[in-house]
Amino acid sequence: MAKLYVDSDKFGSNSASPTVDAFHSAIKDIVRRKLDESGHPWEKFVFDTSYDLITAEDMAQVEKLLLDAGHKFDWSAAISPKERPEIYKPAEGVSEEDIANFSFEHEEAVVAEADGEGREQRGQGDNVARYPENCQGTARYIRSPALVLKYLEEGVPPDTIAVIDDSGGTLTAPILEQFKGVICAGGSTRSHLGILTREYGVPCVMNAKISGIRQGDTVMIECTADPKTAADYQKNVERTAKVWRLKKAD
């Protein structure tokens, strides 16, 4: 069996999840098999033979492997579960009908009882930029183009802390500067959304892991915390800012 350069992990890091590990293993198996079949050295295979030997059908089989095992993919574009509902998790929290009862529920969220100031921790995230004061406002989930269009026409409600998972900023960019703060369940402080919020001066935590925050809750972002840097990610340094709930929605 052919040995790949990627088999020697010089960083010694583990896969993000069993699903990621299964996906990567399936890709490697295809490359090994095709490399053996070609009989060519690695350099020729990479820059020549692989273009013909590794096909779209091979990649489709990797997707099928995961789906046959019962896995369904998370989505970032709202159109994805509409076009291919058989492979994506159901869309929740995208319409005005279900958004009132929706909340992100991340297993990694750190939650705690209310402290002496009445702040109940409901998660944490990577702080993009430090500000003199923590950011307090009203949590509003924004996960659909229809809602963005509504806010474009009517304006974003005052003191909105947007709770989103659009780390690229493509969905919320048109209304981003109207937010008081952003809690983004994805990406990193170096993601496009992180860069945009920093430029607009909007407090933001990326890669947020939260639980129990619902539409209309009064929340606070610990944007006085140290920002997470590129070096922190490279060295796997744990550096997070808290996300508190101050009051549940009426």
C-alpha atoms as a PDB file:
ATOM      1  CA  MET A   1       0.000   0.000   0.000  1.00  0.00           C
ATOM      2  CA  ALA A   2       1.363   3.394  -0.985  1.00  0.00           C
ATOM      3  CA  LYS A   3       2.525   5.731   1.767  1.00  0.00           C
ATOM      4  CA  LEU A   4       1.442   9.360   1.438  1.00  0.00           C
ATOM      5  CA  TYR A   5       3.275  12.435   2.673  1.00  0.00           C
ATOM      6  CA  VAL A   6       0.202  13.350   4.686  1.00  0.00           C
ATOM      7  CA  ASP A   7       0.599  10.123   6.689  1.00  0.00           C
ATOM      8  CA  SER A   8       3.461  11.818   8.549  1.00  0.00           C
ATOM      9  CA  ASP A   9       1.655  14.437  10.615  1.00  0.00           C
ATOM     10  CA  LYS A  10       4.455  16.703  11.781  1.00  0.00           C
ATOM     11  CA  PHE A  11       2.034  18.733  13.890  1.00  0.00           C
ATOM     12  CA  GLY A  12       0.712  15.685  15.756  1.00  0.00           C
ATOM     13  CA  SER A  13      -2.851  16.988  15.686  1.00  0.00           C
ATOM     14  CA  ASN A  14      -5.980  14.868  15.751  1.00  0.00           C
ATOM     15  CA  SER A  15      -8.958  15.203  13.441  1.00  0.00           C
ATOM     16  CA  ALA A  16     -11.646  17.622  14.556  1.00  0.00           C
ATOM     17  CA  SER A  17     -14.212  14.809  14.841  1.00  0.00           C
ATOM     18  CA  PRO A  18     -14.785  11.148  13.886  1.00  0.00           C
ATOM     19  CA  THR A  19     -16.705  12.395  10.842  1.00  0.00           C
ATOM     20  CA  VAL A  20     -13.737  14.460   9.659  1.00  0.00           C
ATOM     21  CA  ASP A  21     -11.450  11.493  10.299  1.00  0.00           C
ATOM     22  CA  ALA A  22     -13.706   9.181   8.256  1.00  0.00           C
ATOM     23  CA  PHE A  23     -13.834  11.709   5.408  1.00  0.00           C
ATOM     24  CA  HIS A  24     -10.070  12.181   5.322  1.00  0.00           C
ATOM     25  CA  SER A  25      -9.432   8.427   5.548  1.00  0.00           C
ATOM     26  CA  ALA A  26     -11.735   7.751   2.597  1.00  0.00           C
ATOM     27  CA  ILE A  27      -9.943  10.375   0.486  1.00  0.00           C
ATOM     28  CA  LYS A  28      -6.541   8.943   1.408  1.00  0.00           C
ATOM     29  CA  ASP A  29      -7.688   5.425   0.501  1.00  0.00           C
ATOM     30  CA  ILE A  30      -8.703   6.626  -2.964  1.00  0.00           C
ATOM     31  CA  VAL A  31      -5.352   8.352  -3.484  1.00  0.00           C
ATOM     32  CA  ARG A  32      -3.415   5.293  -2.292  1.00  0.00           C
ATOM     33  CA  ARG A  33      -5.321   2.967  -4.598  1.00  0.00           C
ATOM     34  CA  LYS A  34      -4.994   5.219  -7.623  1.00  0.00           C
ATOM     35  CA  LEU A  35      -1.301   5.822  -6.935  1.00  0.00           C
ATOM     36  CA  ASP A  36      -0.667   2.076  -6.773  1.00  0.00           C
ATOM     37  CA  GLU A  37      -2.628   1.544  -9.990  1.00  0.00           C
ATOM     38  CA  SER A  38      -0.643   4.200 -11.836  1.00  0.00           C
ATOM     39  CA  GLY A  39       2.753   2.730 -11.015  1.00  0.00           C
ATOM     40  CA  HIS A  40       4.163   6.245 -11.244  1.00  0.00           C
ATOM     41  CA  PRO A  41       6.320   8.166  -8.757  1.00  0.00           C
ATOM     42  CA  TRP A  42       4.514  10.620  -6.493  1.00  0.00           C
ATOM     43  CA  GLU A  43       5.559  13.749  -8.416  1.00  0.00           C
ATOM     44  CA  LYS A  44       4.240  12.466 -11.745  1.00  0.00           C
ATOM     45  CA  PHE A  45       1.055  11.203 -10.117  1.00  0.00           C
ATOM     46  CA  VAL A  46       0.304  14.542  -8.424  1.00  0.00           C
ATOM     47  CA  PHE A  47       0.987  16.767 -11.411  1.00  0.00           C
ATOM     48  CA  ASP A  48      -0.156  14.475 -14.212  1.00  0.00           C
ATOM     49  CA  THR A  49      -1.773  11.059 -13.767  1.00  0.00           C
ATOM     50  CA  SER A  50      -4.092  11.962 -10.891  1.00  0.00           C
ATOM     51  CA  TYR A  51      -6.084  14.341 -13.101  1.00  0.00           C
ATOM     52  CA  ASP A  52      -7.360  11.367 -15.089  1.00  0.00           C
ATOM     53  CA  LEU A  53      -7.368   8.657 -12.431  1.00  0.00           C
ATOM     54  CA  ILE A  54      -9.191  10.484  -9.609  1.00  0.00           C
ATOM     55  CA  THR A  55     -12.694  11.303 -10.797  1.00  0.00           C
ATOM     56  CA  ALA A  56     -15.804  13.111  -9.621  1.00  0.00           C
ATOM     57  CA  GLU A  57     -17.411   9.698  -9.188  1.00  0.00           C
ATOM     58  CA  ASP A  58     -14.703   8.762  -6.687  1.00  0.00           C
ATOM     59  CA  MET A  59     -15.497  11.846  -4.619  1.00  0.00           C
ATOM     60  CA  ALA A  60     -19.232  11.142  -4.832  1.00  0.00           C
ATOM     61  CA  GLN A  61     -18.564   7.734  -3.295  1.00  0.00           C
ATOM     62  CA  VAL A  62     -16.964   9.409  -0.285  1.00  0.00           C
ATOM     63  CA  GLU A  63     -20.112  11.462   0.252  1.00  0.00           C
ATOM     64  CA  LYS A  64     -22.233   8.323  -0.188  1.00  0.00           C
ATOM     65  CA  LEU A  65     -20.124   6.511   2.402  1.00  0.00           C
ATOM     66  CA  LEU A  66     -21.005   9.107   5.040  1.00  0.00           C
ATOM     67  CA  LEU A  67     -24.669   9.291   4.051  1.00  0.00           C
ATOM     68  CA  ASP A  68     -25.036   5.497   4.110  1.00  0.00           C
ATOM     69  CA  ALA A  69     -23.678   5.559   7.662  1.00  0.00           C
ATOM     70  CA  GLY A  70     -26.556   7.868   8.650  1.00  0.00           C
ATOM     71  CA  HIS A  71     -24.626  11.142   8.652  1.00  0.00           C
ATOM     72  CA  LYS A  72     -26.244  14.365   7.507  1.00  0.00           C
ATOM     73  CA  PHE A  73     -24.235  17.474   6.739  1.00  0.00           C
ATOM     74  CA  ASP A  74     -24.468  20.816   8.504  1.00  0.00           C
ATOM     75  CA  TRP A  75     -25.228  23.679   6.139  1.00  0.00           C
ATOM     76  CA  SER A  76     -24.050  27.267   5.884  1.00  0.00           C
ATOM     77  CA  ALA A  77     -26.093  28.447   2.889  1.00  0.00           C
ATOM     78  CA  ALA A  78     -29.844  28.428   3.538  1.00  0.00           C
ATOM     79  CA  ILE A  79     -30.485  27.152   0.021  1.00  0.00           C
ATOM     80  CA  SER A  80     -28.598  23.892   0.675  1.00  0.00           C
ATOM     81  CA  PRO A  81     -31.236  22.028   2.743  1.00  0.00           C
ATOM     82  CA  LYS A  82     -33.919  23.198   0.330  1.00  0.00           C
ATOM     83  CA  GLU A  83     -32.129  21.862  -2.736  1.00  0.00           C
ATOM     84  CA  ARG A  84     -30.834  18.639  -1.170  1.00  0.00           C
ATOM     85  CA  PRO A  85     -32.882  17.852   1.948  1.00  0.00           C
ATOM     86  CA  GLU A  86     -31.797  14.211   1.795  1.00  0.00           C
ATOM     87  CA  ILE A  87     -28.179  15.038   2.703  1.00  0.00           C
ATOM     88  CA  TYR A  88     -28.460  18.135   4.919  1.00  0.00           C
ATOM     89  CA  LYS A  89     -29.761  18.562   8.437  1.00  0.00           C
ATOM     90  CA  PRO A  90     -33.207  20.211   8.507  1.00  0.00           C
ATOM     91  CA  ALA A  91     -33.215  23.989   8.420  1.00  0.00           C
ATOM     92  CA  GLU A  92     -34.252  25.400  11.790  1.00  0.00           C
ATOM     93  CA  GLY A  93     -34.282  28.925  13.092  1.00  0.00           C
ATOM     94  CA  VAL A  94     -34.527  30.498   9.659  1.00  0.00           C
ATOM     95  CA  SER A  95     -38.184  31.525   9.556  1.00  0.00           C
ATOM     96  CA  GLU A  96     -40.150  33.885  11.773  1.00  0.00           C
ATOM     97  CA  GLU A  97     -42.408  30.953  12.668  1.00  0.00           C
ATOM     98  CA  ASP A  98     -39.729  28.821  14.341  1.00  0.00           C
ATOM     99  CA  ILE A  99     -37.117  31.379  15.340  1.00  0.00           C
ATOM    100  CA  ALA A 100     -38.820  32.214  18.642  1.00  0.00           C
ATOM    101  CA  ASN A 101     -38.148  28.718  19.996  1.00  0.00           C
ATOM    102  CA  PHE A 102     -34.782  28.160  18.333  1.00  0.00           C
ATOM    103  CA  SER A 103     -31.392  28.204  19.990  1.00  0.00           C
ATOM    104  CA  PHE A 104     -27.932  26.948  19.184  1.00  0.00           C
ATOM    105  CA  GLU A 105     -27.114  24.012  21.451  1.00  0.00           C
ATOM    106  CA  HIS A 106     -23.397  23.313  21.350  1.00  0.00           C
ATOM    107  CA  GLU A 107     -22.025  20.513  23.508  1.00  0.00           C
ATOM    108  CA  GLU A 108     -18.822  22.493  24.039  1.00  0.00           C
ATOM    109  CA  ALA A 109     -20.653  25.489  25.525  1.00  0.00           C
ATOM    110  CA  VAL A 110     -19.483  26.368  29.022  1.00  0.00           C
ATOM    111  CA  VAL A 111     -22.511  27.251  31.147  1.00  0.00           C
ATOM    112  CA  ALA A 112     -22.648  28.395  34.754  1.00  0.00           C
ATOM    113  CA  GLU A 113     -25.045  29.767  37.336  1.00  0.00           C
ATOM    114  CA  ALA A 114     -25.495  33.524  37.581  1.00  0.00           C
ATOM    115  CA  ASP A 115     -22.608  35.344  39.233  1.00  0.00           C
ATOM    116  CA  GLY A 116     -22.818  38.158  41.764  1.00  0.00           C
ATOM    117  CA  GLU A 117     -23.758  40.594  38.997  1.00  0.00           C
ATOM    118  CA  GLY A 118     -26.592  38.399  37.722  1.00  0.00           C
ATOM    119  CA  ARG A 119     -24.666  37.268  34.657  1.00  0.00           C
ATOM    120  CA  GLU A 120     -25.436  33.683  33.676  1.00  0.00           C
ATOM    121  CA  GLN A 121     -22.739  32.236  31.433  1.00  0.00           C
ATOM    122  CA  ARG A 122     -24.256  30.529  28.379  1.00  0.00           C
ATOM    123  CA  GLY A 123     -21.100  29.906  26.385  1.00  0.00           C
ATOM    124  CA  GLN A 124     -17.868  31.358  25.064  1.00  0.00           C
ATOM    125  CA  GLY A 125     -16.161  32.424  21.851  1.00  0.00           C
ATOM    126  CA  ASP A 126     -12.967  33.798  20.341  1.00  0.00           C
ATOM    127  CA  ASN A 127     -12.831  37.559  20.878  1.00  0.00           C
ATOM    128  CA  VAL A 128     -11.995  39.468  17.696  1.00  0.00           C
ATOM    129  CA  ALA A 129     -10.957  42.802  19.238  1.00  0.00           C
ATOM    130  CA  ARG A 130     -10.763  44.268  22.728  1.00  0.00           C
ATOM    131  CA  TYR A 131     -13.061  47.147  23.694  1.00  0.00           C
ATOM    132  CA  PRO A 132     -13.181  49.301  26.855  1.00  0.00           C
ATOM    133  CA  GLU A 133     -16.566  47.917  27.933  1.00  0.00           C
ATOM    134  CA  ASN A 134     -18.452  44.672  27.492  1.00  0.00           C
ATOM    135  CA  CYS A 135     -21.194  44.675  24.860  1.00  0.00           C
ATOM    136  CA  GLN A 136     -24.805  44.301  26.041  1.00  0.00           C
ATOM    137  CA  GLY A 137     -27.845  43.983  23.814  1.00  0.00           C
ATOM    138  CA  THR A 138     -30.729  41.873  22.566  1.00  0.00           C
ATOM    139  CA  ALA A 139     -30.003  38.504  20.958  1.00  0.00           C
ATOM    140  CA  ARG A 140     -31.532  38.117  17.501  1.00  0.00           C
ATOM    141  CA  TYR A 141     -30.901  35.104  15.288  1.00  0.00           C
ATOM    142  CA  ILE A 142     -30.260  36.072  11.670  1.00  0.00           C
ATOM    143  CA  ARG A 143     -29.977  33.005   9.456  1.00  0.00           C
ATOM    144  CA  SER A 144     -31.980  33.664   6.300  1.00  0.00           C
ATOM    145  CA  PRO A 145     -31.853  36.024   3.305  1.00  0.00           C
ATOM    146  CA  ALA A 146     -35.515  36.902   3.914  1.00  0.00           C
ATOM    147  CA  LEU A 147     -34.730  38.305   7.359  1.00  0.00           C
ATOM    148  CA  VAL A 148     -31.723  40.234   6.056  1.00  0.00           C
ATOM    149  CA  LEU A 149     -33.939  41.745   3.356  1.00  0.00           C
ATOM    150  CA  LYS A 150     -36.513  42.706   5.983  1.00  0.00           C
ATOM    151  CA  TYR A 151     -33.855  44.458   8.070  1.00  0.00           C
ATOM    152  CA  LEU A 152     -32.516  46.197   4.964  1.00  0.00           C
ATOM    153  CA  GLU A 153     -35.963  47.619   4.285  1.00  0.00           C
ATOM    154  CA  GLU A 154     -37.037  48.357   7.867  1.00  0.00           C
ATOM    155  CA  GLY A 155     -33.714  48.774   9.645  1.00  0.00           C
ATOM    156  CA  VAL A 156     -32.097  46.561  12.252  1.00  0.00           C
ATOM    157  CA  PRO A 157     -33.783  46.884  15.686  1.00  0.00           C
ATOM    158  CA  PRO A 158     -31.725  48.945  18.146  1.00  0.00           C
ATOM    159  CA  ASP A 159     -29.169  47.156  20.355  1.00  0.00           C
ATOM    160  CA  THR A 160     -29.235  43.990  18.252  1.00  0.00           C
ATOM    161  CA  ILE A 161     -26.570  41.427  19.035  1.00  0.00           C
ATOM    162  CA  ALA A 162     -26.757  39.202  15.972  1.00  0.00           C
ATOM    163  CA  VAL A 163     -26.473  35.467  16.613  1.00  0.00           C
ATOM    164  CA  ILE A 164     -25.356  33.886  13.354  1.00  0.00           C
ATOM    165  CA  ASP A 165     -23.317  31.068  11.822  1.00  0.00           C
ATOM    166  CA  ASP A 166     -22.289  32.898   8.652  1.00  0.00           C
ATOM    167  CA  SER A 167     -18.545  33.185   9.289  1.00  0.00           C
ATOM    168  CA  GLY A 168     -17.903  34.449   5.769  1.00  0.00           C
ATOM    169  CA  GLY A 169     -20.173  37.435   6.320  1.00  0.00           C
ATOM    170  CA  THR A 170     -21.841  37.001   2.934  1.00  0.00           C
ATOM    171  CA  LEU A 171     -25.340  36.852   4.438  1.00  0.00           C
ATOM    172  CA  THR A 172     -25.146  39.675   6.964  1.00  0.00           C
ATOM    173  CA  ALA A 173     -22.606  42.018   5.326  1.00  0.00           C
ATOM    174  CA  PRO A 174     -25.292  44.470   4.060  1.00  0.00           C
ATOM    175  CA  ILE A 175     -26.513  45.143   7.610  1.00  0.00           C
ATOM    176  CA  LEU A 176     -23.401  44.331   9.625  1.00  0.00           C
ATOM    177  CA  GLU A 177     -22.537  47.879  10.666  1.00  0.00           C
ATOM    178  CA  GLN A 178     -26.006  48.256  12.241  1.00  0.00           C
ATOM    179  CA  PHE A 179     -25.345  45.495  14.789  1.00  0.00           C
ATOM    180  CA  LYS A 180     -24.325  46.360  18.314  1.00  0.00           C
ATOM    181  CA  GLY A 181     -22.451  43.061  18.525  1.00  0.00           C
ATOM    182  CA  VAL A 182     -22.110  39.667  16.873  1.00  0.00           C
ATOM    183  CA  ILE A 183     -21.994  36.115  18.215  1.00  0.00           C
ATOM    184  CA  CYS A 184     -20.886  33.853  15.364  1.00  0.00           C
ATOM    185  CA  ALA A 185     -21.050  30.070  15.773  1.00  0.00           C
ATOM    186  CA  GLY A 186     -18.231  29.359  13.350  1.00  0.00           C
ATOM    187  CA  GLY A 187     -15.002  30.543  11.817  1.00  0.00           C
ATOM    188  CA  SER A 188     -12.093  32.212  13.577  1.00  0.00           C
ATOM    189  CA  THR A 189     -10.981  35.739  14.371  1.00  0.00           C
ATOM    190  CA  ARG A 190      -9.213  35.653  10.983  1.00  0.00           C
ATOM    191  CA  SER A 191     -12.397  34.756   9.080  1.00  0.00           C
ATOM    192  CA  HIS A 192     -13.913  37.329   6.734  1.00  0.00           C
ATOM    193  CA  LEU A 193     -16.674  38.175   9.218  1.00  0.00           C
ATOM    194  CA  GLY A 194     -14.101  38.718  11.952  1.00  0.00           C
ATOM    195  CA  ILE A 195     -12.178  41.115   9.722  1.00  0.00           C
ATOM    196  CA  LEU A 196     -15.345  43.021   8.781  1.00  0.00           C
ATOM    197  CA  THR A 197     -16.523  43.447  12.376  1.00  0.00           C
ATOM    198  CA  ARG A 198     -13.084  44.670  13.397  1.00  0.00           C
ATOM    199  CA  GLU A 199     -13.119  47.266  10.626  1.00  0.00           C
ATOM    200  CA  TYR A 200     -16.649  48.405  11.495  1.00  0.00           C
ATOM    201  CA  GLY A 201     -15.869  48.523  15.215  1.00  0.00           C
ATOM    202  CA  VAL A 202     -18.575  45.978  16.044  1.00  0.00           C
ATOM    203  CA  PRO A 203     -17.734  43.722  19.033  1.00  0.00           C
ATOM    204  CA  CYS A 204     -17.692  40.097  17.921  1.00  0.00           C
ATOM    205  CA  VAL A 205     -16.861  36.599  19.111  1.00  0.00           C
ATOM    206  CA  MET A 206     -16.158  33.938  16.500  1.00  0.00           C
ATOM    207  CA  ASN A 207     -16.232  30.144  16.832  1.00  0.00           C
ATOM    208  CA  ALA A 208     -18.832  30.667  19.563  1.00  0.00           C
ATOM    209  CA  LYS A 209     -20.161  27.682  21.489  1.00  0.00           C
ATOM    210  CA  ILE A 210     -23.416  28.649  23.181  1.00  0.00           C
ATOM    211  CA  SER A 211     -26.485  27.038  24.689  1.00  0.00           C
ATOM    212  CA  GLY A 212     -29.922  28.241  25.718  1.00  0.00           C
ATOM    213  CA  ILE A 213     -29.801  31.721  24.185  1.00  0.00           C
ATOM    214  CA  ARG A 214     -33.144  32.443  22.552  1.00  0.00           C
ATOM    215  CA  GLN A 215     -34.586  35.223  20.461  1.00  0.00           C
ATOM    216  CA  GLY A 216     -35.034  38.378  22.530  1.00  0.00           C
ATOM    217  CA  ASP A 217     -32.811  37.396  25.460  1.00  0.00           C
ATOM    218  CA  THR A 218     -30.656  40.159  26.899  1.00  0.00           C
ATOM    219  CA  VAL A 219     -27.057  39.035  26.499  1.00  0.00           C
ATOM    220  CA  MET A 220     -23.558  40.361  27.051  1.00  0.00           C
ATOM    221  CA  ILE A 221     -20.304  39.664  25.195  1.00  0.00           C
ATOM    222  CA  GLU A 222     -17.057  39.847  27.169  1.00  0.00           C
ATOM    223  CA  CYS A 223     -15.329  41.966  24.546  1.00  0.00           C
ATOM    224  CA  THR A 224     -12.958  43.332  27.199  1.00  0.00           C
ATOM    225  CA  ALA A 225     -11.198  39.947  27.056  1.00  0.00           C
ATOM    226  CA  ASP A 226      -7.923  39.399  25.221  1.00  0.00           C
ATOM    227  CA  PRO A 227      -8.411  38.817  21.481  1.00  0.00           C
ATOM    228  CA  LYS A 228      -7.452  35.424  20.088  1.00  0.00           C
ATOM    229  CA  THR A 229      -4.490  35.771  17.737  1.00  0.00           C
ATOM    230  CA  ALA A 230      -3.235  33.769  14.774  1.00  0.00           C
ATOM    231  CA  ALA A 231      -0.405  32.506  16.986  1.00  0.00           C
ATOM    232  CA  ASP A 232      -2.969  31.266  19.520  1.00  0.00           C
ATOM    233  CA  TYR A 233      -4.615  29.129  16.848  1.00  0.00           C
ATOM    234  CA  GLN A 234      -1.279  27.783  15.617  1.00  0.00           C
ATOM    235  CA  LYS A 235      -0.127  26.881  19.126  1.00  0.00           C
ATOM    236  CA  ASN A 236      -3.577  25.615  20.195  1.00  0.00           C
ATOM    237  CA  VAL A 237      -3.788  28.189  22.999  1.00  0.00           C
ATOM    238  CA  GLU A 238      -7.171  28.273  24.737  1.00  0.00           C
ATOM    239  CA  ARG A 239      -8.209  31.936  24.889  1.00  0.00           C
ATOM    240  CA  THR A 240     -11.928  32.688  25.004  1.00  0.00           C
ATOM    241  CA  ALA A 241     -14.389  35.401  25.952  1.00  0.00           C
ATOM    242  CA  LYS A 242     -17.546  34.652  27.905  1.00  0.00           C
ATOM    243  CA  VAL A 243     -21.078  35.041  26.601  1.00  0.00           C
ATOM    244  CA  TRP A 244     -23.583  35.817  29.346  1.00  0.00           C
ATOM    245  CA  ARG A 245     -27.352  35.938  29.489  1.00  0.00           C
ATOM    246  CA  LEU A 246     -28.604  38.743  31.709  1.00  0.00           C
ATOM    247  CA  LYS A 247     -32.329  38.275  31.223  1.00  0.00           C
ATOM    248  CA  LYS A 248     -34.614  35.875  29.392  1.00  0.00           C
ATOM    249  CA  ALA A 249     -36.990  37.242  26.784  1.00  0.00           C
ATOM    250  CA  ASP A 250     -40.475  38.110  28.036  1.00  0.00           C
END
